Amino acid sequence: MEDVQRKVEGHDGIDGEYIMPAARAMIEMGLGHTDRLIAELEACVADRTAPFTLLAMLGPDVWTFEGDERFRAVLEKLRLPSWV
């Protein structure tokens, strides 16, 4: 588990390949790291990740974070209403 976290934090894969922010967000969500999830969602905004691609990758569990104001702010940046 520590190896996975180290790779996510370093934004590199096993052989140093790029890991897209949406994939890192999925990992952080699965680990229950809210602050890191929000940071990766912000990286998705900067990386111009397609909003519905992001939602498809994260799945319905992402809505457990809807009560977090930062999460709602990222949704606004992605131009997604909270009810999507």
PDB file of N, CA and C in Angstrom:
ATOM      1  N   MET A   1       0.821  -1.193   0.000  1.00  0.00           N
ATOM      2  CA  MET A   1       0.000   0.000   0.000  1.00  0.00           C
ATOM      3  C   MET A   1       0.864   1.256   0.000  1.00  0.00           C
ATOM      4  N   GLU A   2       1.961   1.246   0.741  1.00  0.00           N
ATOM      5  CA  GLU A   2       2.845   2.413   0.776  1.00  0.00           C
ATOM      6  C   GLU A   2       3.449   2.679  -0.595  1.00  0.00           C
ATOM      7  N   ASP A   3       3.766   1.613  -1.335  1.00  0.00           N
ATOM      8  CA  ASP A   3       4.334   1.768  -2.670  1.00  0.00           C
ATOM      9  C   ASP A   3       3.343   2.452  -3.597  1.00  0.00           C
ATOM     10  N   VAL A   4       2.072   2.055  -3.506  1.00  0.00           N
ATOM     11  CA  VAL A   4       1.030   2.682  -4.321  1.00  0.00           C
ATOM     12  C   VAL A   4       0.930   4.159  -3.982  1.00  0.00           C
ATOM     13  N   GLN A   5       0.884   4.480  -2.686  1.00  0.00           N
ATOM     14  CA  GLN A   5       0.769   5.880  -2.273  1.00  0.00           C
ATOM     15  C   GLN A   5       1.972   6.692  -2.738  1.00  0.00           C
ATOM     16  N   ARG A   6       3.164   6.115  -2.640  1.00  0.00           N
ATOM     17  CA  ARG A   6       4.373   6.824  -3.079  1.00  0.00           C
ATOM     18  C   ARG A   6       4.312   7.099  -4.581  1.00  0.00           C
ATOM     19  N   LYS A   7       3.843   6.143  -5.349  1.00  0.00           N
ATOM     20  CA  LYS A   7       3.732   6.326  -6.794  1.00  0.00           C
ATOM     21  C   LYS A   7       2.697   7.390  -7.124  1.00  0.00           C
ATOM     22  N   VAL A   8       1.583   7.385  -6.400  1.00  0.00           N
ATOM     23  CA  VAL A   8       0.540   8.389  -6.644  1.00  0.00           C
ATOM     24  C   VAL A   8       1.068   9.774  -6.315  1.00  0.00           C
ATOM     25  N   GLU A   9       1.730   9.907  -5.174  1.00  0.00           N
ATOM     26  CA  GLU A   9       2.254  11.209  -4.765  1.00  0.00           C
ATOM     27  C   GLU A   9       3.301  11.713  -5.741  1.00  0.00           C
ATOM     28  N   GLY A  10       4.082  10.806  -6.311  1.00  0.00           N
ATOM     29  CA  GLY A  10       5.118  11.190  -7.266  1.00  0.00           C
ATOM     30  C   GLY A  10       4.595  11.396  -8.675  1.00  0.00           C
ATOM     31  N   HIS A  11       3.317  11.091  -8.888  1.00  0.00           N
ATOM     32  CA  HIS A  11       2.674  11.255 -10.179  1.00  0.00           C
ATOM     33  C   HIS A  11       3.358  10.446 -11.272  1.00  0.00           C
ATOM     34  N   ASP A  12       4.007   9.361 -10.897  1.00  0.00           N
ATOM     35  CA  ASP A  12       4.613   8.517 -11.907  1.00  0.00           C
ATOM     36  C   ASP A  12       4.168   7.084 -11.688  1.00  0.00           C
ATOM     37  N   GLY A  13       4.245   6.339 -12.742  1.00  0.00           N
ATOM     38  CA  GLY A  13       3.857   4.939 -12.664  1.00  0.00           C
ATOM     39  C   GLY A  13       5.064   4.084 -12.340  1.00  0.00           C
ATOM     40  N   ILE A  14       4.913   2.828 -12.549  1.00  0.00           N
ATOM     41  CA  ILE A  14       5.968   1.885 -12.207  1.00  0.00           C
ATOM     42  C   ILE A  14       7.253   2.181 -12.962  1.00  0.00           C
ATOM     43  N   ASP A  15       7.146   2.512 -14.224  1.00  0.00           N
ATOM     44  CA  ASP A  15       8.339   2.809 -15.032  1.00  0.00           C
ATOM     45  C   ASP A  15       8.491   4.299 -15.294  1.00  0.00           C
ATOM     46  N   GLY A  16       7.860   5.126 -14.460  1.00  0.00           N
ATOM     47  CA  GLY A  16       7.976   6.574 -14.617  1.00  0.00           C
ATOM     48  C   GLY A  16       6.983   7.178 -15.596  1.00  0.00           C
ATOM     49  N   GLU A  17       6.031   6.374 -16.101  1.00  0.00           N
ATOM     50  CA  GLU A  17       5.063   6.914 -17.046  1.00  0.00           C
ATOM     51  C   GLU A  17       4.072   7.842 -16.345  1.00  0.00           C
ATOM     52  N   TYR A  18       3.475   8.725 -17.114  1.00  0.00           N
ATOM     53  CA  TYR A  18       2.520   9.708 -16.612  1.00  0.00           C
ATOM     54  C   TYR A  18       1.233   9.007 -16.166  1.00  0.00           C
ATOM     55  N   ILE A  19       0.705   9.418 -15.033  1.00  0.00           N
ATOM     56  CA  ILE A  19      -0.595   8.936 -14.567  1.00  0.00           C
ATOM     57  C   ILE A  19      -1.536  10.126 -14.584  1.00  0.00           C
ATOM     58  N   MET A  20      -2.619  10.016 -15.334  1.00  0.00           N
ATOM     59  CA  MET A  20      -3.546  11.143 -15.457  1.00  0.00           C
ATOM     60  C   MET A  20      -4.207  11.450 -14.114  1.00  0.00           C
ATOM     61  N   PRO A  21      -4.521  12.737 -13.889  1.00  0.00           N
ATOM     62  CA  PRO A  21      -5.099  13.141 -12.606  1.00  0.00           C
ATOM     63  C   PRO A  21      -6.376  12.382 -12.248  1.00  0.00           C
ATOM     64  N   ALA A  22      -7.183  12.027 -13.231  1.00  0.00           N
ATOM     65  CA  ALA A  22      -8.424  11.295 -12.946  1.00  0.00           C
ATOM     66  C   ALA A  22      -8.111   9.930 -12.340  1.00  0.00           C
ATOM     67  N   ALA A  23      -7.058   9.288 -12.805  1.00  0.00           N
ATOM     68  CA  ALA A  23      -6.662   7.991 -12.240  1.00  0.00           C
ATOM     69  C   ALA A  23      -6.136   8.171 -10.824  1.00  0.00           C
ATOM     70  N   ARG A  24      -5.368   9.229 -10.600  1.00  0.00           N
ATOM     71  CA  ARG A  24      -4.879   9.501  -9.250  1.00  0.00           C
ATOM     72  C   ARG A  24      -6.041   9.822  -8.310  1.00  0.00           C
ATOM     73  N   ALA A  25      -7.047  10.551  -8.832  1.00  0.00           N
ATOM     74  CA  ALA A  25      -8.230  10.880  -8.034  1.00  0.00           C
ATOM     75  C   ALA A  25      -8.967   9.601  -7.640  1.00  0.00           C
ATOM     76  N   MET A  26      -9.061   8.666  -8.564  1.00  0.00           N
ATOM     77  CA  MET A  26      -9.733   7.401  -8.288  1.00  0.00           C
ATOM     78  C   MET A  26      -9.013   6.649  -7.167  1.00  0.00           C
ATOM     79  N   ILE A  27      -7.693   6.658  -7.193  1.00  0.00           N
ATOM     80  CA  ILE A  27      -6.912   5.986  -6.159  1.00  0.00           C
ATOM     81  C   ILE A  27      -7.120   6.670  -4.810  1.00  0.00           C
ATOM     82  N   GLU A  28      -7.036   8.004  -4.789  1.00  0.00           N
ATOM     83  CA  GLU A  28      -7.205   8.747  -3.536  1.00  0.00           C
ATOM     84  C   GLU A  28      -8.599   8.548  -2.962  1.00  0.00           C
ATOM     85  N   MET A  29      -9.599   8.511  -3.841  1.00  0.00           N
ATOM     86  CA  MET A  29     -10.960   8.284  -3.376  1.00  0.00           C
ATOM     87  C   MET A  29     -11.059   6.910  -2.729  1.00  0.00           C
ATOM     88  N   GLY A  30     -10.475   5.909  -3.369  1.00  0.00           N
ATOM     89  CA  GLY A  30     -10.504   4.556  -2.832  1.00  0.00           C
ATOM     90  C   GLY A  30      -9.789   4.426  -1.506  1.00  0.00           C
ATOM     91  N   LEU A  31      -8.755   5.230  -1.312  1.00  0.00           N
ATOM     92  CA  LEU A  31      -8.006   5.210  -0.050  1.00  0.00           C
ATOM     93  C   LEU A  31      -8.666   6.068   1.021  1.00  0.00           C
ATOM     94  N   GLY A  32      -9.697   6.828   0.622  1.00  0.00           N
ATOM     95  CA  GLY A  32     -10.420   7.668   1.577  1.00  0.00           C
ATOM     96  C   GLY A  32      -9.696   8.944   1.952  1.00  0.00           C
ATOM     97  N   HIS A  33      -8.799   9.403   1.096  1.00  0.00           N
ATOM     98  CA  HIS A  33      -8.032  10.627   1.347  1.00  0.00           C
ATOM     99  C   HIS A  33      -8.754  11.826   0.728  1.00  0.00           C
ATOM    100  N   THR A  34      -9.621  12.441   1.481  1.00  0.00           N
ATOM    101  CA  THR A  34     -10.446  13.534   0.963  1.00  0.00           C
ATOM    102  C   THR A  34      -9.610  14.700   0.464  1.00  0.00           C
ATOM    103  N   ASP A  35      -8.652  15.156   1.251  1.00  0.00           N
ATOM    104  CA  ASP A  35      -7.843  16.308   0.839  1.00  0.00           C
ATOM    105  C   ASP A  35      -7.089  16.020  -0.459  1.00  0.00           C
ATOM    106  N   ARG A  36      -6.530  14.835  -0.552  1.00  0.00           N
ATOM    107  CA  ARG A  36      -5.784  14.467  -1.761  1.00  0.00           C
ATOM    108  C   ARG A  36      -6.720  14.285  -2.941  1.00  0.00           C
ATOM    109  N   LEU A  37      -7.922  13.748  -2.690  1.00  0.00           N
ATOM    110  CA  LEU A  37      -8.915  13.621  -3.761  1.00  0.00           C
ATOM    111  C   LEU A  37      -9.247  14.992  -4.331  1.00  0.00           C
ATOM    112  N   ILE A  38      -9.510  15.947  -3.460  1.00  0.00           N
ATOM    113  CA  ILE A  38      -9.846  17.303  -3.911  1.00  0.00           C
ATOM    114  C   ILE A  38      -8.681  17.884  -4.719  1.00  0.00           C
ATOM    115  N   ALA A  39      -7.463  17.687  -4.254  1.00  0.00           N
ATOM    116  CA  ALA A  39      -6.291  18.184  -4.985  1.00  0.00           C
ATOM    117  C   ALA A  39      -6.203  17.558  -6.372  1.00  0.00           C
ATOM    118  N   GLU A  40      -6.485  16.269  -6.467  1.00  0.00           N
ATOM    119  CA  GLU A  40      -6.432  15.607  -7.772  1.00  0.00           C
ATOM    120  C   GLU A  40      -7.584  16.063  -8.667  1.00  0.00           C
ATOM    121  N   LEU A  41      -8.747  16.341  -8.080  1.00  0.00           N
ATOM    122  CA  LEU A  41      -9.850  16.884  -8.877  1.00  0.00           C
ATOM    123  C   LEU A  41      -9.495  18.265  -9.409  1.00  0.00           C
ATOM    124  N   GLU A  42      -8.806  19.058  -8.598  1.00  0.00           N
ATOM    125  CA  GLU A  42      -8.322  20.364  -9.075  1.00  0.00           C
ATOM    126  C   GLU A  42      -7.328  20.165 -10.216  1.00  0.00           C
ATOM    127  N   ALA A  43      -6.486  19.140 -10.103  1.00  0.00           N
ATOM    128  CA  ALA A  43      -5.539  18.831 -11.186  1.00  0.00           C
ATOM    129  C   ALA A  43      -6.296  18.421 -12.447  1.00  0.00           C
ATOM    130  N   CYS A  44      -7.428  17.754 -12.284  1.00  0.00           N
ATOM    131  CA  CYS A  44      -8.259  17.393 -13.438  1.00  0.00           C
ATOM    132  C   CYS A  44      -8.782  18.641 -14.140  1.00  0.00           C
ATOM    133  N   VAL A  45      -9.158  19.633 -13.348  1.00  0.00           N
ATOM    134  CA  VAL A  45      -9.615  20.901 -13.926  1.00  0.00           C
ATOM    135  C   VAL A  45      -8.479  21.525 -14.735  1.00  0.00           C
ATOM    136  N   ALA A  46      -7.289  21.586 -14.143  1.00  0.00           N
ATOM    137  CA  ALA A  46      -6.132  22.181 -14.823  1.00  0.00           C
ATOM    138  C   ALA A  46      -5.736  21.379 -16.055  1.00  0.00           C
ATOM    139  N   ASP A  47      -5.902  20.060 -15.984  1.00  0.00           N
ATOM    140  CA  ASP A  47      -5.544  19.172 -17.084  1.00  0.00           C
ATOM    141  C   ASP A  47      -6.628  19.124 -18.153  1.00  0.00           C
ATOM    142  N   ARG A  48      -7.752  19.789 -17.883  1.00  0.00           N
ATOM    143  CA  ARG A  48      -8.899  19.845 -18.790  1.00  0.00           C
ATOM    144  C   ARG A  48      -9.490  18.463 -19.058  1.00  0.00           C
ATOM    145  N   THR A  49      -9.554  17.666 -18.010  1.00  0.00           N
ATOM    146  CA  THR A  49     -10.174  16.353 -18.109  1.00  0.00           C
ATOM    147  C   THR A  49     -11.656  16.535 -18.423  1.00  0.00           C
ATOM    148  N   ALA A  50     -12.150  15.771 -19.370  1.00  0.00           N
ATOM    149  CA  ALA A  50     -13.573  15.848 -19.729  1.00  0.00           C
ATOM    150  C   ALA A  50     -14.409  15.467 -18.507  1.00  0.00           C
ATOM    151  N   PRO A  51     -15.355  16.321 -18.115  1.00  0.00           N
ATOM    152  CA  PRO A  51     -16.122  16.092 -16.890  1.00  0.00           C
ATOM    153  C   PRO A  51     -16.807  14.727 -16.822  1.00  0.00           C
ATOM    154  N   PHE A  52     -17.433  14.299 -17.894  1.00  0.00           N
ATOM    155  CA  PHE A  52     -18.155  13.038 -17.834  1.00  0.00           C
ATOM    156  C   PHE A  52     -17.204  11.844 -17.861  1.00  0.00           C
ATOM    157  N   THR A  53     -16.028  12.023 -18.431  1.00  0.00           N
ATOM    158  CA  THR A  53     -15.004  10.983 -18.346  1.00  0.00           C
ATOM    159  C   THR A  53     -14.584  10.815 -16.890  1.00  0.00           C
ATOM    160  N   LEU A  54     -14.392  11.939 -16.230  1.00  0.00           N
ATOM    161  CA  LEU A  54     -14.012  11.923 -14.818  1.00  0.00           C
ATOM    162  C   LEU A  54     -15.074  11.217 -13.973  1.00  0.00           C
ATOM    163  N   LEU A  55     -16.325  11.573 -14.184  1.00  0.00           N
ATOM    164  CA  LEU A  55     -17.407  10.955 -13.413  1.00  0.00           C
ATOM    165  C   LEU A  55     -17.519   9.464 -13.710  1.00  0.00           C
ATOM    166  N   ALA A  56     -17.298   9.083 -14.964  1.00  0.00           N
ATOM    167  CA  ALA A  56     -17.359   7.659 -15.326  1.00  0.00           C
ATOM    168  C   ALA A  56     -16.241   6.885 -14.634  1.00  0.00           C
ATOM    169  N   MET A  57     -15.063   7.488 -14.533  1.00  0.00           N
ATOM    170  CA  MET A  57     -13.937   6.813 -13.885  1.00  0.00           C
ATOM    171  C   MET A  57     -14.150   6.686 -12.379  1.00  0.00           C
ATOM    172  N   LEU A  58     -14.677   7.734 -11.769  1.00  0.00           N
ATOM    173  CA  LEU A  58     -14.830   7.737 -10.311  1.00  0.00           C
ATOM    174  C   LEU A  58     -16.047   6.956  -9.846  1.00  0.00           C
ATOM    175  N   GLY A  59     -17.067   6.898 -10.665  1.00  0.00           N
ATOM    176  CA  GLY A  59     -18.253   6.130 -10.323  1.00  0.00           C
ATOM    177  C   GLY A  59     -19.114   6.807  -9.258  1.00  0.00           C
ATOM    178  N   PRO A  60     -20.165   6.136  -8.860  1.00  0.00           N
ATOM    179  CA  PRO A  60     -21.133   6.743  -7.932  1.00  0.00           C
ATOM    180  C   PRO A  60     -20.588   7.000  -6.528  1.00  0.00           C
ATOM    181  N   ASP A  61     -19.520   6.331  -6.138  1.00  0.00           N
ATOM    182  CA  ASP A  61     -18.972   6.551  -4.789  1.00  0.00           C
ATOM    183  C   ASP A  61     -18.449   7.968  -4.592  1.00  0.00           C
ATOM    184  N   VAL A  62     -18.164   8.661  -5.683  1.00  0.00           N
ATOM    185  CA  VAL A  62     -17.640  10.021  -5.563  1.00  0.00           C
ATOM    186  C   VAL A  62     -18.651  10.950  -4.887  1.00  0.00           C
ATOM    187  N   TRP A  63     -19.931  10.603  -4.958  1.00  0.00           N
ATOM    188  CA  TRP A  63     -20.952  11.480  -4.386  1.00  0.00           C
ATOM    189  C   TRP A  63     -20.951  11.460  -2.865  1.00  0.00           C
ATOM    190  N   THR A  64     -20.195  10.555  -2.257  1.00  0.00           N
ATOM    191  CA  THR A  64     -20.080  10.587  -0.797  1.00  0.00           C
ATOM    192  C   THR A  64     -19.343  11.837  -0.333  1.00  0.00           C
ATOM    193  N   PHE A  65     -18.665  12.505  -1.258  1.00  0.00           N
ATOM    194  CA  PHE A  65     -17.904  13.716  -0.932  1.00  0.00           C
ATOM    195  C   PHE A  65     -18.691  14.990  -1.230  1.00  0.00           C
ATOM    196  N   GLU A  66     -19.935  14.840  -1.658  1.00  0.00           N
ATOM    197  CA  GLU A  66     -20.739  15.986  -2.066  1.00  0.00           C
ATOM    198  C   GLU A  66     -20.952  16.998  -0.943  1.00  0.00           C
ATOM    199  N   GLY A  67     -20.898  16.570   0.290  1.00  0.00           N
ATOM    200  CA  GLY A  67     -21.073  17.484   1.416  1.00  0.00           C
ATOM    201  C   GLY A  67     -19.884  18.399   1.641  1.00  0.00           C
ATOM    202  N   ASP A  68     -18.763  18.110   0.998  1.00  0.00           N
ATOM    203  CA  ASP A  68     -17.555  18.928   1.141  1.00  0.00           C
ATOM    204  C   ASP A  68     -17.648  20.127   0.196  1.00  0.00           C
ATOM    205  N   GLU A  69     -17.531  21.302   0.757  1.00  0.00           N
ATOM    206  CA  GLU A  69     -17.645  22.535  -0.033  1.00  0.00           C
ATOM    207  C   GLU A  69     -16.611  22.594  -1.156  1.00  0.00           C
ATOM    208  N   ARG A  70     -15.423  22.064  -0.895  1.00  0.00           N
ATOM    209  CA  ARG A  70     -14.369  22.062  -1.922  1.00  0.00           C
ATOM    210  C   ARG A  70     -14.758  21.175  -3.100  1.00  0.00           C
ATOM    211  N   PHE A  71     -15.422  20.068  -2.806  1.00  0.00           N
ATOM    212  CA  PHE A  71     -15.890  19.174  -3.858  1.00  0.00           C
ATOM    213  C   PHE A  71     -16.907  19.892  -4.739  1.00  0.00           C
ATOM    214  N   ARG A  72     -17.848  20.579  -4.108  1.00  0.00           N
ATOM    215  CA  ARG A  72     -18.856  21.331  -4.869  1.00  0.00           C
ATOM    216  C   ARG A  72     -18.208  22.424  -5.715  1.00  0.00           C
ATOM    217  N   ALA A  73     -17.155  23.044  -5.187  1.00  0.00           N
ATOM    218  CA  ALA A  73     -16.452  24.088  -5.944  1.00  0.00           C
ATOM    219  C   ALA A  73     -15.794  23.502  -7.189  1.00  0.00           C
ATOM    220  N   VAL A  74     -15.230  22.300  -7.060  1.00  0.00           N
ATOM    221  CA  VAL A  74     -14.618  21.650  -8.230  1.00  0.00           C
ATOM    222  C   VAL A  74     -15.703  21.309  -9.248  1.00  0.00           C
ATOM    223  N   LEU A  75     -16.866  20.843  -8.779  1.00  0.00           N
ATOM    224  CA  LEU A  75     -17.963  20.556  -9.699  1.00  0.00           C
ATOM    225  C   LEU A  75     -18.337  21.796 -10.500  1.00  0.00           C
ATOM    226  N   GLU A  76     -18.354  22.932  -9.831  1.00  0.00           N
ATOM    227  CA  GLU A  76     -18.673  24.182 -10.522  1.00  0.00           C
ATOM    228  C   GLU A  76     -17.624  24.502 -11.581  1.00  0.00           C
ATOM    229  N   LYS A  77     -16.358  24.287 -11.252  1.00  0.00           N
ATOM    230  CA  LYS A  77     -15.288  24.533 -12.221  1.00  0.00           C
ATOM    231  C   LYS A  77     -15.408  23.610 -13.421  1.00  0.00           C
ATOM    232  N   LEU A  78     -15.903  22.399 -13.180  1.00  0.00           N
ATOM    233  CA  LEU A  78     -16.110  21.445 -14.262  1.00  0.00           C
ATOM    234  C   LEU A  78     -17.440  21.693 -14.978  1.00  0.00           C
ATOM    235  N   ARG A  79     -18.191  22.658 -14.451  1.00  0.00           N
ATOM    236  CA  ARG A  79     -19.507  23.015 -14.963  1.00  0.00           C
ATOM    237  C   ARG A  79     -20.494  21.862 -14.863  1.00  0.00           C
ATOM    238  N   LEU A  80     -20.392  21.151 -13.753  1.00  0.00           N
ATOM    239  CA  LEU A  80     -21.319  20.050 -13.471  1.00  0.00           C
ATOM    240  C   LEU A  80     -22.166  20.417 -12.255  1.00  0.00           C
ATOM    241  N   PRO A  81     -23.476  20.329 -12.402  1.00  0.00           N
ATOM    242  CA  PRO A  81     -24.310  20.563 -11.217  1.00  0.00           C
ATOM    243  C   PRO A  81     -24.163  19.396 -10.264  1.00  0.00           C
ATOM    244  N   SER A  82     -24.431  19.617  -9.004  1.00  0.00           N
ATOM    245  CA  SER A  82     -24.262  18.583  -7.997  1.00  0.00           C
ATOM    246  C   SER A  82     -25.214  17.406  -8.181  1.00  0.00           C
ATOM    247  N   TRP A  83     -26.262  17.580  -8.958  1.00  0.00           N
ATOM    248  CA  TRP A  83     -27.233  16.504  -9.131  1.00  0.00           C
ATOM    249  C   TRP A  83     -26.891  15.570 -10.283  1.00  0.00           C
ATOM    250  N   VAL A  84     -25.802  15.827 -11.023  1.00  0.00           N
ATOM    251  CA  VAL A  84     -25.455  14.979 -12.178  1.00  0.00           C
ATOM    252  C   VAL A  84     -25.228  13.568 -11.729  1.00  0.00           C
TER     253      VAL A  84
END
